[in-house]
């Protein structure tokens, strides 16, 4: 969360994030690739900013070092 106050999810299960909050989306490996995903977001304040990014897991080892992330140390 960059600013504001947002609620993610539906009535049964939701997560509320405020400024500087972080959450992780899950990936269902057995999901149906022909169906679209859906993320419900409800604003709790007048002005909110959020950064959302996603991608398919690469299933490789990652090595974080300084400001870089690689798949090997060498």
PDB file of N, CA and C in Angstrom:
ATOM      1  N   UNK A   1       0.840  -1.164   0.000  1.00  0.00           N
ATOM      2  CA  UNK A   1       0.000   0.000   0.000  1.00  0.00           C
ATOM      3  C   UNK A   1       0.889   1.232   0.000  1.00  0.00           C
ATOM      4  N   UNK A   2       0.631   2.103  -0.948  1.00  0.00           N
ATOM      5  CA  UNK A   2       1.378   3.352  -1.020  1.00  0.00           C
ATOM      6  C   UNK A   2       0.742   4.422  -0.144  1.00  0.00           C
ATOM      7  N   UNK A   3      -0.579   4.454  -0.108  1.00  0.00           N
ATOM      8  CA  UNK A   3      -1.297   5.384   0.767  1.00  0.00           C
ATOM      9  C   UNK A   3      -2.746   4.947   0.880  1.00  0.00           C
ATOM     10  N   UNK A   4      -3.409   5.452   1.905  1.00  0.00           N
ATOM     11  CA  UNK A   4      -4.828   5.164   2.062  1.00  0.00           C
ATOM     12  C   UNK A   4      -5.110   3.914   2.864  1.00  0.00           C
ATOM     13  N   UNK A   5      -6.273   3.326   2.603  1.00  0.00           N
ATOM     14  CA  UNK A   5      -6.794   2.209   3.373  1.00  0.00           C
ATOM     15  C   UNK A   5      -7.707   1.395   2.452  1.00  0.00           C
ATOM     16  N   UNK A   6      -7.341   0.153   2.150  1.00  0.00           N
ATOM     17  CA  UNK A   6      -8.123  -0.689   1.250  1.00  0.00           C
ATOM     18  C   UNK A   6      -8.406  -2.038   1.890  1.00  0.00           C
ATOM     19  N   UNK A   7      -9.507  -2.646   1.452  1.00  0.00           N
ATOM     20  CA  UNK A   7      -9.872  -3.984   1.882  1.00  0.00           C
ATOM     21  C   UNK A   7      -9.883  -4.890   0.651  1.00  0.00           C
ATOM     22  N   UNK A   8      -9.172  -6.006   0.739  1.00  0.00           N
ATOM     23  CA  UNK A   8      -9.050  -6.958  -0.367  1.00  0.00           C
ATOM     24  C   UNK A   8      -9.781  -8.237  -0.007  1.00  0.00           C
ATOM     25  N   UNK A   9     -10.569  -8.769  -0.936  1.00  0.00           N
ATOM     26  CA  UNK A   9     -11.272 -10.025  -0.717  1.00  0.00           C
ATOM     27  C   UNK A   9     -12.768  -9.839  -0.711  1.00  0.00           C
ATOM     28  N   UNK A  10     -13.460 -10.871  -0.233  1.00  0.00           N
ATOM     29  CA  UNK A  10     -14.922 -10.827  -0.190  1.00  0.00           C
ATOM     30  C   UNK A  10     -15.410 -10.798   1.257  1.00  0.00           C
ATOM     31  N   UNK A  11     -16.722 -10.903   1.440  1.00  0.00           N
ATOM     32  CA  UNK A  11     -17.305 -10.805   2.774  1.00  0.00           C
ATOM     33  C   UNK A  11     -16.830 -11.937   3.698  1.00  0.00           C
ATOM     34  N   UNK A  12     -16.626 -13.130   3.159  1.00  0.00           N
ATOM     35  CA  UNK A  12     -16.227 -14.272   3.973  1.00  0.00           C
ATOM     36  C   UNK A  12     -14.784 -14.181   4.441  1.00  0.00           C
ATOM     37  N   UNK A  13     -13.912 -13.691   3.576  1.00  0.00           N
ATOM     38  CA  UNK A  13     -12.487 -13.625   3.906  1.00  0.00           C
ATOM     39  C   UNK A  13     -11.890 -12.387   3.261  1.00  0.00           C
ATOM     40  N   UNK A  14     -11.395 -11.473   4.086  1.00  0.00           N
ATOM     41  CA  UNK A  14     -10.809 -10.253   3.547  1.00  0.00           C
ATOM     42  C   UNK A  14      -9.595  -9.839   4.360  1.00  0.00           C
ATOM     43  N   UNK A  15      -8.766  -9.009   3.756  1.00  0.00           N
ATOM     44  CA  UNK A  15      -7.575  -8.463   4.395  1.00  0.00           C
ATOM     45  C   UNK A  15      -7.621  -6.959   4.221  1.00  0.00           C
ATOM     46  N   UNK A  16      -7.408  -6.245   5.318  1.00  0.00           N
ATOM     47  CA  UNK A  16      -7.414  -4.784   5.271  1.00  0.00           C
ATOM     48  C   UNK A  16      -5.973  -4.297   5.368  1.00  0.00           C
ATOM     49  N   UNK A  17      -5.582  -3.432   4.432  1.00  0.00           N
ATOM     50  CA  UNK A  17      -4.228  -2.886   4.415  1.00  0.00           C
ATOM     51  C   UNK A  17      -4.272  -1.370   4.520  1.00  0.00           C
ATOM     52  N   UNK A  18      -3.329  -0.829   5.273  1.00  0.00           N
ATOM     53  CA  UNK A  18      -3.155   0.615   5.361  1.00  0.00           C
ATOM     54  C   UNK A  18      -1.780   0.973   4.815  1.00  0.00           C
ATOM     55  N   UNK A  19      -1.440   2.244   4.823  1.00  0.00           N
ATOM     56  CA  UNK A  19      -0.182   2.727   4.259  1.00  0.00           C
ATOM     57  C   UNK A  19       0.996   1.871   4.715  1.00  0.00           C
ATOM     58  N   UNK A  20       1.837   1.492   3.775  1.00  0.00           N
ATOM     59  CA  UNK A  20       3.027   0.654   3.953  1.00  0.00           C
ATOM     60  C   UNK A  20       2.691  -0.813   4.219  1.00  0.00           C
ATOM     61  N   UNK A  21       1.414  -1.204   4.139  1.00  0.00           N
ATOM     62  CA  UNK A  21       1.036  -2.596   4.329  1.00  0.00           C
ATOM     63  C   UNK A  21       1.416  -3.428   3.108  1.00  0.00           C
ATOM     64  N   UNK A  22       1.672  -4.714   3.339  1.00  0.00           N
ATOM     65  CA  UNK A  22       2.083  -5.635   2.269  1.00  0.00           C
ATOM     66  C   UNK A  22       1.288  -6.926   2.393  1.00  0.00           C
ATOM     67  N   UNK A  23       0.882  -7.504   1.280  1.00  0.00           N
ATOM     68  CA  UNK A  23       0.191  -8.787   1.278  1.00  0.00           C
ATOM     69  C   UNK A  23       0.682  -9.611   0.098  1.00  0.00           C
ATOM     70  N   UNK A  24       0.505 -10.905   0.180  1.00  0.00           N
ATOM     71  CA  UNK A  24       0.918 -11.820  -0.884  1.00  0.00           C
ATOM     72  C   UNK A  24      -0.303 -12.525  -1.447  1.00  0.00           C
ATOM     73  N   UNK A  25      -0.395 -12.568  -2.766  1.00  0.00           N
ATOM     74  CA  UNK A  25      -1.448 -13.336  -3.427  1.00  0.00           C
ATOM     75  C   UNK A  25      -0.955 -14.763  -3.609  1.00  0.00           C
ATOM     76  N   UNK A  26      -1.859 -15.723  -3.551  1.00  0.00           N
ATOM     77  CA  UNK A  26      -1.461 -17.114  -3.726  1.00  0.00           C
ATOM     78  C   UNK A  26      -1.600 -17.529  -5.187  1.00  0.00           C
ATOM     79  N   UNK A  27      -0.915 -18.584  -5.548  1.00  0.00           N
ATOM     80  CA  UNK A  27      -0.944 -19.118  -6.902  1.00  0.00           C
ATOM     81  C   UNK A  27      -1.400 -20.565  -6.831  1.00  0.00           C
ATOM     82  N   UNK A  28      -2.461 -20.892  -7.545  1.00  0.00           N
ATOM     83  CA  UNK A  28      -2.991 -22.248  -7.555  1.00  0.00           C
ATOM     84  C   UNK A  28      -2.428 -22.985  -8.766  1.00  0.00           C
ATOM     85  N   UNK A  29      -1.484 -23.887  -8.512  1.00  0.00           N
ATOM     86  CA  UNK A  29      -0.841 -24.622  -9.607  1.00  0.00           C
ATOM     87  C   UNK A  29      -1.811 -25.533 -10.346  1.00  0.00           C
ATOM     88  N   UNK A  30      -2.877 -25.947  -9.691  1.00  0.00           N
ATOM     89  CA  UNK A  30      -3.854 -26.839 -10.307  1.00  0.00           C
ATOM     90  C   UNK A  30      -5.053 -26.076 -10.844  1.00  0.00           C
ATOM     91  N   UNK A  31      -4.932 -24.757 -10.938  1.00  0.00           N
ATOM     92  CA  UNK A  31      -6.038 -23.939 -11.424  1.00  0.00           C
ATOM     93  C   UNK A  31      -6.271 -24.117 -12.912  1.00  0.00           C
ATOM     94  N   UNK A  32      -7.380 -23.634 -13.371  1.00  0.00           N
ATOM     95  CA  UNK A  32      -7.762 -23.711 -14.774  1.00  0.00           C
ATOM     96  C   UNK A  32      -7.271 -22.461 -15.495  1.00  0.00           C
ATOM     97  N   UNK A  33      -6.284 -22.608 -16.374  1.00  0.00           N
ATOM     98  CA  UNK A  33      -5.675 -21.474 -17.067  1.00  0.00           C
ATOM     99  C   UNK A  33      -6.635 -20.778 -18.023  1.00  0.00           C
ATOM    100  N   UNK A  34      -7.763 -21.414 -18.332  1.00  0.00           N
ATOM    101  CA  UNK A  34      -8.719 -20.787 -19.249  1.00  0.00           C
ATOM    102  C   UNK A  34      -9.665 -19.829 -18.524  1.00  0.00           C
ATOM    103  N   UNK A  35      -9.654 -19.860 -17.185  1.00  0.00           N
ATOM    104  CA  UNK A  35     -10.517 -18.972 -16.402  1.00  0.00           C
ATOM    105  C   UNK A  35      -9.749 -17.745 -15.935  1.00  0.00           C
ATOM    106  N   UNK A  36     -10.441 -16.615 -15.870  1.00  0.00           N
ATOM    107  CA  UNK A  36      -9.826 -15.380 -15.389  1.00  0.00           C
ATOM    108  C   UNK A  36      -9.781 -15.359 -13.872  1.00  0.00           C
ATOM    109  N   UNK A  37      -8.777 -14.658 -13.339  1.00  0.00           N
ATOM    110  CA  UNK A  37      -8.683 -14.435 -11.899  1.00  0.00           C
ATOM    111  C   UNK A  37      -9.465 -13.183 -11.545  1.00  0.00           C
ATOM    112  N   UNK A  38      -9.825 -13.072 -10.275  1.00  0.00           N
ATOM    113  CA  UNK A  38     -10.566 -11.904  -9.823  1.00  0.00           C
ATOM    114  C   UNK A  38     -10.029 -11.466  -8.470  1.00  0.00           C
ATOM    115  N   UNK A  39      -9.818 -10.168  -8.326  1.00  0.00           N
ATOM    116  CA  UNK A  39      -9.375  -9.597  -7.061  1.00  0.00           C
ATOM    117  C   UNK A  39     -10.330  -8.468  -6.707  1.00  0.00           C
ATOM    118  N   UNK A  40     -11.061  -8.617  -5.591  1.00  0.00           N
ATOM    119  CA  UNK A  40     -12.017  -7.593  -5.175  1.00  0.00           C
ATOM    120  C   UNK A  40     -11.324  -6.623  -4.233  1.00  0.00           C
ATOM    121  N   UNK A  41     -11.474  -5.317  -4.526  1.00  0.00           N
ATOM    122  CA  UNK A  41     -10.860  -4.268  -3.722  1.00  0.00           C
ATOM    123  C   UNK A  41     -11.932  -3.256  -3.338  1.00  0.00           C
ATOM    124  N   UNK A  42     -11.985  -2.929  -2.046  1.00  0.00           N
ATOM    125  CA  UNK A  42     -12.943  -1.947  -1.554  1.00  0.00           C
ATOM    126  C   UNK A  42     -12.166  -0.847  -0.833  1.00  0.00           C
ATOM    127  N   UNK A  43     -12.405   0.403  -1.229  1.00  0.00           N
ATOM    128  CA  UNK A  43     -11.707   1.533  -0.629  1.00  0.00           C
ATOM    129  C   UNK A  43     -12.338   1.903   0.709  1.00  0.00           C
ATOM    130  N   UNK A  44     -11.486   2.111   1.704  1.00  0.00           N
ATOM    131  CA  UNK A  44     -11.940   2.531   3.020  1.00  0.00           C
ATOM    132  C   UNK A  44     -11.675   4.024   3.259  1.00  0.00           C
ATOM    133  N   UNK A  45     -10.945   4.644   2.346  1.00  0.00           N
ATOM    134  CA  UNK A  45     -10.660   6.072   2.479  1.00  0.00           C
ATOM    135  C   UNK A  45     -10.827   6.739   1.121  1.00  0.00           C
ATOM    136  N   UNK A  46     -10.849   8.042   1.140  1.00  0.00           N
ATOM    137  CA  UNK A  46     -11.144   8.783  -0.085  1.00  0.00           C
ATOM    138  C   UNK A  46     -10.073   8.619  -1.155  1.00  0.00           C
ATOM    139  N   UNK A  47      -8.832   8.689  -0.771  1.00  0.00           N
ATOM    140  CA  UNK A  47      -7.732   8.548  -1.734  1.00  0.00           C
ATOM    141  C   UNK A  47      -6.808   7.423  -1.299  1.00  0.00           C
ATOM    142  N   UNK A  48      -6.713   6.428  -2.114  1.00  0.00           N
ATOM    143  CA  UNK A  48      -5.842   5.290  -1.822  1.00  0.00           C
ATOM    144  C   UNK A  48      -5.015   4.979  -3.055  1.00  0.00           C
ATOM    145  N   UNK A  49      -3.783   4.531  -2.817  1.00  0.00           N
ATOM    146  CA  UNK A  49      -2.905   4.098  -3.902  1.00  0.00           C
ATOM    147  C   UNK A  49      -2.313   2.756  -3.524  1.00  0.00           C
ATOM    148  N   UNK A  50      -2.352   1.833  -4.491  1.00  0.00           N
ATOM    149  CA  UNK A  50      -1.821   0.495  -4.252  1.00  0.00           C
ATOM    150  C   UNK A  50      -1.044   0.055  -5.485  1.00  0.00           C
ATOM    151  N   UNK A  51       0.009  -0.708  -5.280  1.00  0.00           N
ATOM    152  CA  UNK A  51       0.799  -1.278  -6.362  1.00  0.00           C
ATOM    153  C   UNK A  51       0.568  -2.783  -6.350  1.00  0.00           C
ATOM    154  N   UNK A  52       0.049  -3.313  -7.461  1.00  0.00           N
ATOM    155  CA  UNK A  52      -0.215  -4.747  -7.583  1.00  0.00           C
ATOM    156  C   UNK A  52       0.543  -5.264  -8.799  1.00  0.00           C
ATOM    157  N   UNK A  53       1.325  -6.297  -8.593  1.00  0.00           N
ATOM    158  CA  UNK A  53       1.997  -6.915  -9.731  1.00  0.00           C
ATOM    159  C   UNK A  53       1.912  -8.423  -9.585  1.00  0.00           C
ATOM    160  N   UNK A  54       1.966  -9.110 -10.712  1.00  0.00           N
ATOM    161  CA  UNK A  54       1.830 -10.561 -10.672  1.00  0.00           C
ATOM    162  C   UNK A  54       2.573 -11.190 -11.838  1.00  0.00           C
ATOM    163  N   UNK A  55       2.714 -12.483 -11.769  1.00  0.00           N
ATOM    164  CA  UNK A  55       3.355 -13.238 -12.833  1.00  0.00           C
ATOM    165  C   UNK A  55       3.308 -14.717 -12.491  1.00  0.00           C
ATOM    166  N   UNK A  56       3.584 -15.531 -13.460  1.00  0.00           N
ATOM    167  CA  UNK A  56       3.635 -16.969 -13.250  1.00  0.00           C
ATOM    168  C   UNK A  56       4.948 -17.324 -12.569  1.00  0.00           C
ATOM    169  N   UNK A  57       4.921 -18.131 -11.502  1.00  0.00           N
ATOM    170  CA  UNK A  57       6.162 -18.518 -10.835  1.00  0.00           C
ATOM    171  C   UNK A  57       7.132 -19.185 -11.810  1.00  0.00           C
ATOM    172  N   UNK A  58       8.422 -18.847 -11.705  1.00  0.00           N
ATOM    173  CA  UNK A  58       9.424 -19.402 -12.623  1.00  0.00           C
ATOM    174  C   UNK A  58       9.975 -20.742 -12.151  1.00  0.00           C
ATOM    175  N   UNK A  59       9.669 -21.111 -10.887  1.00  0.00           N
ATOM    176  CA  UNK A  59      10.080 -22.392 -10.314  1.00  0.00           C
ATOM    177  C   UNK A  59      11.582 -22.608 -10.413  1.00  0.00           C
ATOM    178  N   UNK A  60      12.351 -21.556 -10.140  1.00  0.00           N
ATOM    179  CA  UNK A  60      13.811 -21.636 -10.105  1.00  0.00           C
ATOM    180  C   UNK A  60      14.286 -21.050  -8.786  1.00  0.00           C
ATOM    181  N   UNK A  61      15.491 -21.465  -8.403  1.00  0.00           N
ATOM    182  CA  UNK A  61      16.105 -20.906  -7.205  1.00  0.00           C
ATOM    183  C   UNK A  61      16.367 -19.422  -7.430  1.00  0.00           C
ATOM    184  N   UNK A  62      16.193 -18.616  -6.379  1.00  0.00           N
ATOM    185  CA  UNK A  62      16.557 -17.208  -6.489  1.00  0.00           C
ATOM    186  C   UNK A  62      17.608 -16.888  -5.438  1.00  0.00           C
ATOM    187  N   UNK A  63      18.533 -15.982  -5.783  1.00  0.00           N
ATOM    188  CA  UNK A  63      19.598 -15.570  -4.886  1.00  0.00           C
ATOM    189  C   UNK A  63      19.589 -14.053  -4.794  1.00  0.00           C
ATOM    190  N   UNK A  64      19.052 -13.492  -3.692  1.00  0.00           N
ATOM    191  CA  UNK A  64      19.088 -12.033  -3.534  1.00  0.00           C
ATOM    192  C   UNK A  64      20.454 -11.605  -3.017  1.00  0.00           C
ATOM    193  N   UNK A  65      21.044 -10.583  -3.617  1.00  0.00           N
ATOM    194  CA  UNK A  65      22.344 -10.072  -3.184  1.00  0.00           C
ATOM    195  C   UNK A  65      22.386  -8.581  -3.484  1.00  0.00           C
ATOM    196  N   UNK A  66      22.348  -7.769  -2.431  1.00  0.00           N
ATOM    197  CA  UNK A  66      22.322  -6.325  -2.636  1.00  0.00           C
ATOM    198  C   UNK A  66      21.027  -5.923  -3.315  1.00  0.00           C
ATOM    199  N   UNK A  67      21.107  -5.041  -4.313  1.00  0.00           N
ATOM    200  CA  UNK A  67      19.879  -4.622  -4.993  1.00  0.00           C
ATOM    201  C   UNK A  67      19.465  -5.551  -6.138  1.00  0.00           C
ATOM    202  N   UNK A  68      20.157  -6.697  -6.292  1.00  0.00           N
ATOM    203  CA  UNK A  68      19.918  -7.585  -7.426  1.00  0.00           C
ATOM    204  C   UNK A  68      19.338  -8.917  -6.981  1.00  0.00           C
ATOM    205  N   UNK A  69      18.580  -9.549  -7.862  1.00  0.00           N
ATOM    206  CA  UNK A  69      18.084 -10.917  -7.645  1.00  0.00           C
ATOM    207  C   UNK A  69      18.421 -11.704  -8.891  1.00  0.00           C
ATOM    208  N   UNK A  70      19.141 -12.805  -8.704  1.00  0.00           N
ATOM    209  CA  UNK A  70      19.571 -13.662  -9.814  1.00  0.00           C
ATOM    210  C   UNK A  70      19.153 -15.098  -9.497  1.00  0.00           C
ATOM    211  N   UNK A  71      19.508 -16.029 -10.381  1.00  0.00           N
ATOM    212  CA  UNK A  71      19.196 -17.427 -10.106  1.00  0.00           C
ATOM    213  C   UNK A  71      20.431 -18.196  -9.646  1.00  0.00           C
ATOM    214  N   UNK A  72      21.626 -17.579  -9.699  1.00  0.00           N
ATOM    215  CA  UNK A  72      22.849 -18.170  -9.129  1.00  0.00           C
ATOM    216  C   UNK A  72      23.697 -17.050  -8.526  1.00  0.00           C
ATOM    217  N   UNK A  73      24.637 -17.386  -7.680  1.00  0.00           N
ATOM    218  CA  UNK A  73      25.511 -16.392  -7.077  1.00  0.00           C
ATOM    219  C   UNK A  73      26.590 -15.942  -8.049  1.00  0.00           C
ATOM    220  N   UNK A  74      26.939 -16.768  -9.026  1.00  0.00           N
ATOM    221  CA  UNK A  74      28.056 -16.465  -9.932  1.00  0.00           C
ATOM    222  C   UNK A  74      27.718 -15.765 -11.140  1.00  0.00           C
TER     223      UNK A  74
END
